[in-house]
Amino acid sequence: MMNRSSIARIGLQVRLLLTRFGAGNTLACALCIVGIIGWAWGIAHLRAQVSLQQQALHQAQQLLDAAAVAVPVAPRSVAEQRLHAFYDTLGEKRYAEQQVRTLFAIAAKNGLALNQGEYKFMYDKNGRFHSYHILLPVKGSYAAVRQFCEQALMAIPFASLDEMSFKRDAIANATLEAKLHFTLYLGDVATAPGGSQENGAVPEVES
């Protein structure tokens, strides 16, 4: 057990050592020690903050993944599928004149006499599409008229044959007078099915 004289002796030796070492050096060593302690504490604090941020990001990612799994995309109903299919098959309104020329070319190819027809544009606000009604008076054989109708519907997939009437001057006469009512269903927005040809751009028919 140390007595007071021993403690006083040790204290005197420390003061002598500090005196020899110099006050400036002593202060510098003390500052270095304080700096090392502060640097070590700062590194530990930054690591703790980074770990907390990583945990928060991980939890947020888990919540987003769970939400994506919990809310699947509902499939289209049959009515929606049919509606989209209808709009996909619409022709383009700006090609209406070309489509009429196509009808005349098919009629000539089948040897039909085709006079000037009657044309009428209509717009369906609820359906948001145009309908182009075409009434064509033609003369020729029944076989030629039938072939003309089939080829016209194949060449213009967005057309429908709504009505047809026949008239014959005499029973023995092979030439018929027919009135054909076509309707073209058209849209305003250009589409390009398959990326090759815009919908509504009907190719010309060689006569």
C-alpha atoms as a PDB file:
ATOM      1  CA  MET A   1       0.000   0.000   0.000  1.00  0.00           C
ATOM      2  CA  MET A   2       1.427   3.335  -1.103  1.00  0.00           C
ATOM      3  CA  ASN A   3       1.890   6.094   1.455  1.00  0.00           C
ATOM      4  CA  ARG A   4       1.632   9.802   0.894  1.00  0.00           C
ATOM      5  CA  SER A   5       5.358  10.197   0.345  1.00  0.00           C
ATOM      6  CA  SER A   6       5.309   7.610  -2.460  1.00  0.00           C
ATOM      7  CA  ILE A   7       2.374   9.320  -4.163  1.00  0.00           C
ATOM      8  CA  ALA A   8       4.100  12.696  -3.868  1.00  0.00           C
ATOM      9  CA  ARG A   9       7.281  11.184  -5.339  1.00  0.00           C
ATOM     10  CA  ILE A  10       5.375   9.753  -8.324  1.00  0.00           C
ATOM     11  CA  GLY A  11       3.617  13.044  -8.918  1.00  0.00           C
ATOM     12  CA  LEU A  12       6.943  14.888  -8.838  1.00  0.00           C
ATOM     13  CA  GLN A  13       8.422  12.453 -11.363  1.00  0.00           C
ATOM     14  CA  VAL A  14       5.431  12.973 -13.701  1.00  0.00           C
ATOM     15  CA  ARG A  15       5.769  16.725 -13.513  1.00  0.00           C
ATOM     16  CA  LEU A  16       9.490  16.468 -14.231  1.00  0.00           C
ATOM     17  CA  LEU A  17       8.771  14.191 -17.206  1.00  0.00           C
ATOM     18  CA  LEU A  18       6.187  16.613 -18.596  1.00  0.00           C
ATOM     19  CA  THR A  19       8.573  19.503 -18.065  1.00  0.00           C
ATOM     20  CA  ARG A  20      11.294  17.694 -20.020  1.00  0.00           C
ATOM     21  CA  PHE A  21       8.848  16.635 -22.782  1.00  0.00           C
ATOM     22  CA  GLY A  22       7.625  20.166 -23.252  1.00  0.00           C
ATOM     23  CA  ALA A  23       4.205  21.703 -22.937  1.00  0.00           C
ATOM     24  CA  GLY A  24       3.709  21.924 -26.726  1.00  0.00           C
ATOM     25  CA  ASN A  25       4.461  18.275 -27.284  1.00  0.00           C
ATOM     26  CA  THR A  26       2.208  17.292 -24.433  1.00  0.00           C
ATOM     27  CA  LEU A  27      -0.690  19.336 -25.888  1.00  0.00           C
ATOM     28  CA  ALA A  28      -0.101  17.851 -29.330  1.00  0.00           C
ATOM     29  CA  CYS A  29      -0.200  14.297 -27.947  1.00  0.00           C
ATOM     30  CA  ALA A  30      -3.366  15.083 -26.041  1.00  0.00           C
ATOM     31  CA  LEU A  31      -5.034  16.474 -29.197  1.00  0.00           C
ATOM     32  CA  CYS A  32      -4.004  13.403 -31.188  1.00  0.00           C
ATOM     33  CA  ILE A  33      -5.497  11.117 -28.595  1.00  0.00           C
ATOM     34  CA  VAL A  34      -8.725  13.131 -28.571  1.00  0.00           C
ATOM     35  CA  GLY A  35      -8.815  13.107 -32.398  1.00  0.00           C
ATOM     36  CA  ILE A  36      -8.354   9.326 -32.572  1.00  0.00           C
ATOM     37  CA  ILE A  37     -11.127   8.822 -30.048  1.00  0.00           C
ATOM     38  CA  GLY A  38     -13.443  11.180 -32.021  1.00  0.00           C
ATOM     39  CA  TRP A  39     -12.602   9.537 -35.361  1.00  0.00           C
ATOM     40  CA  ALA A  40     -13.348   6.066 -33.957  1.00  0.00           C
ATOM     41  CA  TRP A  41     -16.644   7.274 -32.531  1.00  0.00           C
ATOM     42  CA  GLY A  42     -17.594   9.010 -35.831  1.00  0.00           C
ATOM     43  CA  ILE A  43     -16.897   5.883 -37.897  1.00  0.00           C
ATOM     44  CA  ALA A  44     -19.053   3.768 -35.621  1.00  0.00           C
ATOM     45  CA  HIS A  45     -21.846   6.360 -35.803  1.00  0.00           C
ATOM     46  CA  LEU A  46     -21.725   6.470 -39.642  1.00  0.00           C
ATOM     47  CA  ARG A  47     -21.792   2.696 -39.853  1.00  0.00           C
ATOM     48  CA  ALA A  48     -24.860   2.610 -37.649  1.00  0.00           C
ATOM     49  CA  GLN A  49     -26.602   5.227 -39.835  1.00  0.00           C
ATOM     50  CA  VAL A  50     -25.767   3.328 -43.045  1.00  0.00           C
ATOM     51  CA  SER A  51     -27.072   0.095 -41.536  1.00  0.00           C
ATOM     52  CA  LEU A  52     -30.363   1.799 -40.568  1.00  0.00           C
ATOM     53  CA  GLN A  53     -30.783   3.238 -44.107  1.00  0.00           C
ATOM     54  CA  GLN A  54     -30.116  -0.162 -45.685  1.00  0.00           C
ATOM     55  CA  GLN A  55     -32.724  -1.777 -43.444  1.00  0.00           C
ATOM     56  CA  ALA A  56     -35.261   0.927 -44.372  1.00  0.00           C
ATOM     57  CA  LEU A  57     -34.597   0.424 -48.120  1.00  0.00           C
ATOM     58  CA  HIS A  58     -34.921  -3.330 -47.744  1.00  0.00           C
ATOM     59  CA  GLN A  59     -38.251  -2.978 -45.941  1.00  0.00           C
ATOM     60  CA  ALA A  60     -39.530  -0.540 -48.597  1.00  0.00           C
ATOM     61  CA  GLN A  61     -38.544  -2.974 -51.373  1.00  0.00           C
ATOM     62  CA  GLN A  62     -40.358  -5.796 -49.592  1.00  0.00           C
ATOM     63  CA  LEU A  63     -43.497  -3.639 -49.312  1.00  0.00           C
ATOM     64  CA  LEU A  64     -43.362  -2.783 -53.042  1.00  0.00           C
ATOM     65  CA  ASP A  65     -42.903  -6.442 -53.986  1.00  0.00           C
ATOM     66  CA  ALA A  66     -45.810  -7.456 -51.764  1.00  0.00           C
ATOM     67  CA  ALA A  67     -48.034  -4.754 -53.299  1.00  0.00           C
ATOM     68  CA  ALA A  68     -47.155  -5.889 -56.833  1.00  0.00           C
ATOM     69  CA  VAL A  69     -48.066  -9.471 -55.964  1.00  0.00           C
ATOM     70  CA  ALA A  70     -51.228  -8.488 -54.114  1.00  0.00           C
ATOM     71  CA  VAL A  71     -52.691  -6.449 -57.022  1.00  0.00           C
ATOM     72  CA  PRO A  72     -52.647  -8.632 -60.172  1.00  0.00           C
ATOM     73  CA  VAL A  73     -53.694  -7.175 -63.505  1.00  0.00           C
ATOM     74  CA  ALA A  74     -57.250  -8.186 -64.272  1.00  0.00           C
ATOM     75  CA  PRO A  75     -57.670  -9.891 -67.677  1.00  0.00           C
ATOM     76  CA  ARG A  76     -59.864  -8.239 -70.292  1.00  0.00           C
ATOM     77  CA  SER A  77     -63.457  -9.306 -70.391  1.00  0.00           C
ATOM     78  CA  VAL A  78     -64.942 -10.853 -73.521  1.00  0.00           C
ATOM     79  CA  ALA A  79     -66.736  -7.571 -74.296  1.00  0.00           C
ATOM     80  CA  GLU A  80     -63.470  -5.593 -73.992  1.00  0.00           C
ATOM     81  CA  GLN A  81     -61.665  -8.077 -76.226  1.00  0.00           C
ATOM     82  CA  ARG A  82     -64.367  -7.790 -78.886  1.00  0.00           C
ATOM     83  CA  LEU A  83     -64.305  -3.982 -78.661  1.00  0.00           C
ATOM     84  CA  HIS A  84     -60.531  -3.866 -79.150  1.00  0.00           C
ATOM     85  CA  ALA A  85     -60.787  -6.330 -82.030  1.00  0.00           C
ATOM     86  CA  PHE A  86     -63.424  -4.090 -83.659  1.00  0.00           C
ATOM     87  CA  TYR A  87     -61.244  -0.973 -83.432  1.00  0.00           C
ATOM     88  CA  ASP A  88     -58.239  -2.912 -84.710  1.00  0.00           C
ATOM     89  CA  THR A  89     -60.127  -3.846 -87.893  1.00  0.00           C
ATOM     90  CA  LEU A  90     -61.398  -0.330 -88.694  1.00  0.00           C
ATOM     91  CA  GLY A  91     -60.255   1.186 -91.946  1.00  0.00           C
ATOM     92  CA  GLU A  92     -58.865   4.698 -92.164  1.00  0.00           C
ATOM     93  CA  LYS A  93     -61.198   7.503 -93.145  1.00  0.00           C
ATOM     94  CA  ARG A  94     -58.708   9.309 -95.350  1.00  0.00           C
ATOM     95  CA  TYR A  95     -58.582   6.301 -97.720  1.00  0.00           C
ATOM     96  CA  ALA A  96     -62.327   6.365 -98.469  1.00  0.00           C
ATOM     97  CA  GLU A  97     -61.887   7.467-102.098  1.00  0.00           C
ATOM     98  CA  GLN A  98     -59.280   4.773-102.715  1.00  0.00           C
ATOM     99  CA  GLN A  99     -61.662   2.144-101.346  1.00  0.00           C
ATOM    100  CA  VAL A 100     -64.380   3.287-103.767  1.00  0.00           C
ATOM    101  CA  ARG A 101     -61.881   3.005-106.630  1.00  0.00           C
ATOM    102  CA  THR A 102     -61.137  -0.524-105.460  1.00  0.00           C
ATOM    103  CA  LEU A 103     -64.831  -1.442-105.719  1.00  0.00           C
ATOM    104  CA  PHE A 104     -65.015  -0.048-109.246  1.00  0.00           C
ATOM    105  CA  ALA A 105     -61.870  -1.958-110.238  1.00  0.00           C
ATOM    106  CA  ILE A 106     -63.256  -5.262-108.917  1.00  0.00           C
ATOM    107  CA  ALA A 107     -66.550  -4.650-110.757  1.00  0.00           C
ATOM    108  CA  ALA A 108     -64.716  -4.026-114.025  1.00  0.00           C
ATOM    109  CA  LYS A 109     -62.591  -7.127-113.470  1.00  0.00           C
ATOM    110  CA  ASN A 110     -65.755  -9.228-113.270  1.00  0.00           C
ATOM    111  CA  GLY A 111     -67.301  -7.632-116.363  1.00  0.00           C
ATOM    112  CA  LEU A 112     -69.996  -5.677-114.513  1.00  0.00           C
ATOM    113  CA  ALA A 113     -71.393  -2.378-115.751  1.00  0.00           C
ATOM    114  CA  LEU A 114     -71.249  -0.047-112.768  1.00  0.00           C
ATOM    115  CA  ASN A 115     -72.918   3.353-112.854  1.00  0.00           C
ATOM    116  CA  GLN A 116     -72.235   6.185-110.460  1.00  0.00           C
ATOM    117  CA  GLY A 117     -73.201   5.159-106.936  1.00  0.00           C
ATOM    118  CA  GLU A 118     -74.636   6.983-103.967  1.00  0.00           C
ATOM    119  CA  TYR A 119     -72.388   7.771-101.022  1.00  0.00           C
ATOM    120  CA  LYS A 120     -73.085   8.940 -97.480  1.00  0.00           C
ATOM    121  CA  PHE A 121     -70.797   9.484 -94.487  1.00  0.00           C
ATOM    122  CA  MET A 122     -72.131   8.992 -90.948  1.00  0.00           C
ATOM    123  CA  TYR A 123     -70.495   9.208 -87.527  1.00  0.00           C
ATOM    124  CA  ASP A 124     -71.396   7.156 -84.465  1.00  0.00           C
ATOM    125  CA  LYS A 125     -70.661   9.285 -81.372  1.00  0.00           C
ATOM    126  CA  ASN A 126     -71.087   6.429 -78.923  1.00  0.00           C
ATOM    127  CA  GLY A 127     -68.938   4.009 -80.890  1.00  0.00           C
ATOM    128  CA  ARG A 128     -66.510   6.732 -82.061  1.00  0.00           C
ATOM    129  CA  PHE A 129     -66.243   5.448 -85.616  1.00  0.00           C
ATOM    130  CA  HIS A 130     -67.317   6.543 -89.111  1.00  0.00           C
ATOM    131  CA  SER A 131     -69.509   4.555 -91.469  1.00  0.00           C
ATOM    132  CA  TYR A 132     -69.376   5.141 -95.213  1.00  0.00           C
ATOM    133  CA  HIS A 133     -72.555   3.911 -96.919  1.00  0.00           C
ATOM    134  CA  ILE A 134     -72.198   3.060-100.617  1.00  0.00           C
ATOM    135  CA  LEU A 135     -75.105   2.126-102.871  1.00  0.00           C
ATOM    136  CA  LEU A 136     -73.895   0.664-106.169  1.00  0.00           C
ATOM    137  CA  PRO A 137     -76.162  -0.134-109.149  1.00  0.00           C
ATOM    138  CA  VAL A 138     -74.560  -2.848-111.284  1.00  0.00           C
ATOM    139  CA  LYS A 139     -75.539  -4.852-114.367  1.00  0.00           C
ATOM    140  CA  GLY A 140     -74.310  -8.319-115.251  1.00  0.00           C
ATOM    141  CA  SER A 141     -74.851 -11.994-114.719  1.00  0.00           C
ATOM    142  CA  TYR A 142     -75.765 -13.425-111.337  1.00  0.00           C
ATOM    143  CA  ALA A 143     -72.443 -15.282-111.168  1.00  0.00           C
ATOM    144  CA  ALA A 144     -70.515 -12.068-111.898  1.00  0.00           C
ATOM    145  CA  VAL A 145     -72.446 -10.138-109.237  1.00  0.00           C
ATOM    146  CA  ARG A 146     -71.853 -12.867-106.684  1.00  0.00           C
ATOM    147  CA  GLN A 147     -68.145 -13.047-107.472  1.00  0.00           C
ATOM    148  CA  PHE A 148     -67.884  -9.260-107.282  1.00  0.00           C
ATOM    149  CA  CYS A 149     -69.411  -9.248-103.776  1.00  0.00           C
ATOM    150  CA  GLU A 150     -67.105 -11.993-102.520  1.00  0.00           C
ATOM    151  CA  GLN A 151     -63.960 -10.331-103.898  1.00  0.00           C
ATOM    152  CA  ALA A 152     -64.982  -6.912-102.571  1.00  0.00           C
ATOM    153  CA  LEU A 153     -65.421  -8.223 -99.024  1.00  0.00           C
ATOM    154  CA  MET A 154     -62.094 -10.040 -99.209  1.00  0.00           C
ATOM    155  CA  ALA A 155     -60.258  -6.971-100.522  1.00  0.00           C
ATOM    156  CA  ILE A 156     -61.812  -4.622 -97.938  1.00  0.00           C
ATOM    157  CA  PRO A 157     -62.016  -6.517 -94.611  1.00  0.00           C
ATOM    158  CA  PHE A 158     -63.712  -3.600 -92.810  1.00  0.00           C
ATOM    159  CA  ALA A 159     -66.645  -3.587 -95.286  1.00  0.00           C
ATOM    160  CA  SER A 160     -70.032  -5.242 -94.956  1.00  0.00           C
ATOM    161  CA  LEU A 161     -72.683  -6.057 -97.552  1.00  0.00           C
ATOM    162  CA  ASP A 162     -75.883  -4.936 -95.849  1.00  0.00           C
ATOM    163  CA  GLU A 163     -78.438  -5.266 -98.604  1.00  0.00           C
ATOM    164  CA  MET A 164     -78.796  -6.453-102.188  1.00  0.00           C
ATOM    165  CA  SER A 165     -81.740  -6.442-104.588  1.00  0.00           C
ATOM    166  CA  PHE A 166     -82.106  -7.882-108.106  1.00  0.00           C
ATOM    167  CA  LYS A 167     -84.209  -6.961-111.097  1.00  0.00           C
ATOM    168  CA  ARG A 168     -84.540  -8.766-114.440  1.00  0.00           C
ATOM    169  CA  ASP A 169     -86.294  -7.299-117.506  1.00  0.00           C
ATOM    170  CA  ALA A 170     -87.284 -10.743-118.809  1.00  0.00           C
ATOM    171  CA  ILE A 171     -86.964 -14.315-117.593  1.00  0.00           C
ATOM    172  CA  ALA A 172     -84.820 -15.267-120.548  1.00  0.00           C
ATOM    173  CA  ASN A 173     -82.507 -12.302-120.055  1.00  0.00           C
ATOM    174  CA  ALA A 174     -79.245 -13.384-118.388  1.00  0.00           C
ATOM    175  CA  THR A 175     -78.362  -9.813-117.418  1.00  0.00           C
ATOM    176  CA  LEU A 176     -79.483  -8.660-113.976  1.00  0.00           C
ATOM    177  CA  GLU A 177     -79.821  -5.202-112.555  1.00  0.00           C
ATOM    178  CA  ALA A 178     -78.645  -5.284-108.945  1.00  0.00           C
ATOM    179  CA  LYS A 179     -78.371  -2.689-106.199  1.00  0.00           C
ATOM    180  CA  LEU A 180     -75.691  -3.429-103.640  1.00  0.00           C
ATOM    181  CA  HIS A 181     -75.482  -1.610-100.327  1.00  0.00           C
ATOM    182  CA  PHE A 182     -71.974  -1.692 -98.832  1.00  0.00           C
ATOM    183  CA  THR A 183     -70.901  -0.089 -95.546  1.00  0.00           C
ATOM    184  CA  LEU A 184     -67.280   0.712 -94.742  1.00  0.00           C
ATOM    185  CA  TYR A 185     -66.394   1.081 -91.066  1.00  0.00           C
ATOM    186  CA  LEU A 186     -63.652   3.670 -90.634  1.00  0.00           C
ATOM    187  CA  GLY A 187     -61.631   5.343 -87.900  1.00  0.00           C
ATOM    188  CA  ASP A 188     -59.691   8.597 -87.656  1.00  0.00           C
ATOM    189  CA  VAL A 189     -56.417   7.295 -86.174  1.00  0.00           C
ATOM    190  CA  ALA A 190     -53.941   5.578 -88.474  1.00  0.00           C
ATOM    191  CA  THR A 191     -52.853   2.114 -87.453  1.00  0.00           C
ATOM    192  CA  ALA A 192     -50.340  -0.220 -89.046  1.00  0.00           C
ATOM    193  CA  PRO A 193     -51.130  -3.908 -88.421  1.00  0.00           C
ATOM    194  CA  GLY A 194     -47.960  -5.944 -88.663  1.00  0.00           C
ATOM    195  CA  GLY A 195     -46.002  -2.762 -89.385  1.00  0.00           C
ATOM    196  CA  SER A 196     -46.239  -3.230 -93.152  1.00  0.00           C
ATOM    197  CA  GLN A 197     -49.349  -1.453 -94.351  1.00  0.00           C
ATOM    198  CA  GLU A 198     -51.583   1.135 -92.750  1.00  0.00           C
ATOM    199  CA  ASN A 199     -55.072  -0.073 -91.961  1.00  0.00           C
ATOM    200  CA  GLY A 200     -57.423   1.247 -94.609  1.00  0.00           C
ATOM    201  CA  ALA A 201     -54.851   1.477 -97.386  1.00  0.00           C
ATOM    202  CA  VAL A 202     -56.534  -0.978 -99.711  1.00  0.00           C
ATOM    203  CA  PRO A 203     -54.332  -2.160-102.581  1.00  0.00           C
ATOM    204  CA  GLU A 204     -55.430  -1.372-106.087  1.00  0.00           C
ATOM    205  CA  VAL A 205     -57.018  -4.274-107.974  1.00  0.00           C
ATOM    206  CA  GLU A 206     -55.612  -5.020-111.389  1.00  0.00           C
ATOM    207  CA  SER A 207     -58.293  -5.102-114.074  1.00  0.00           C
END
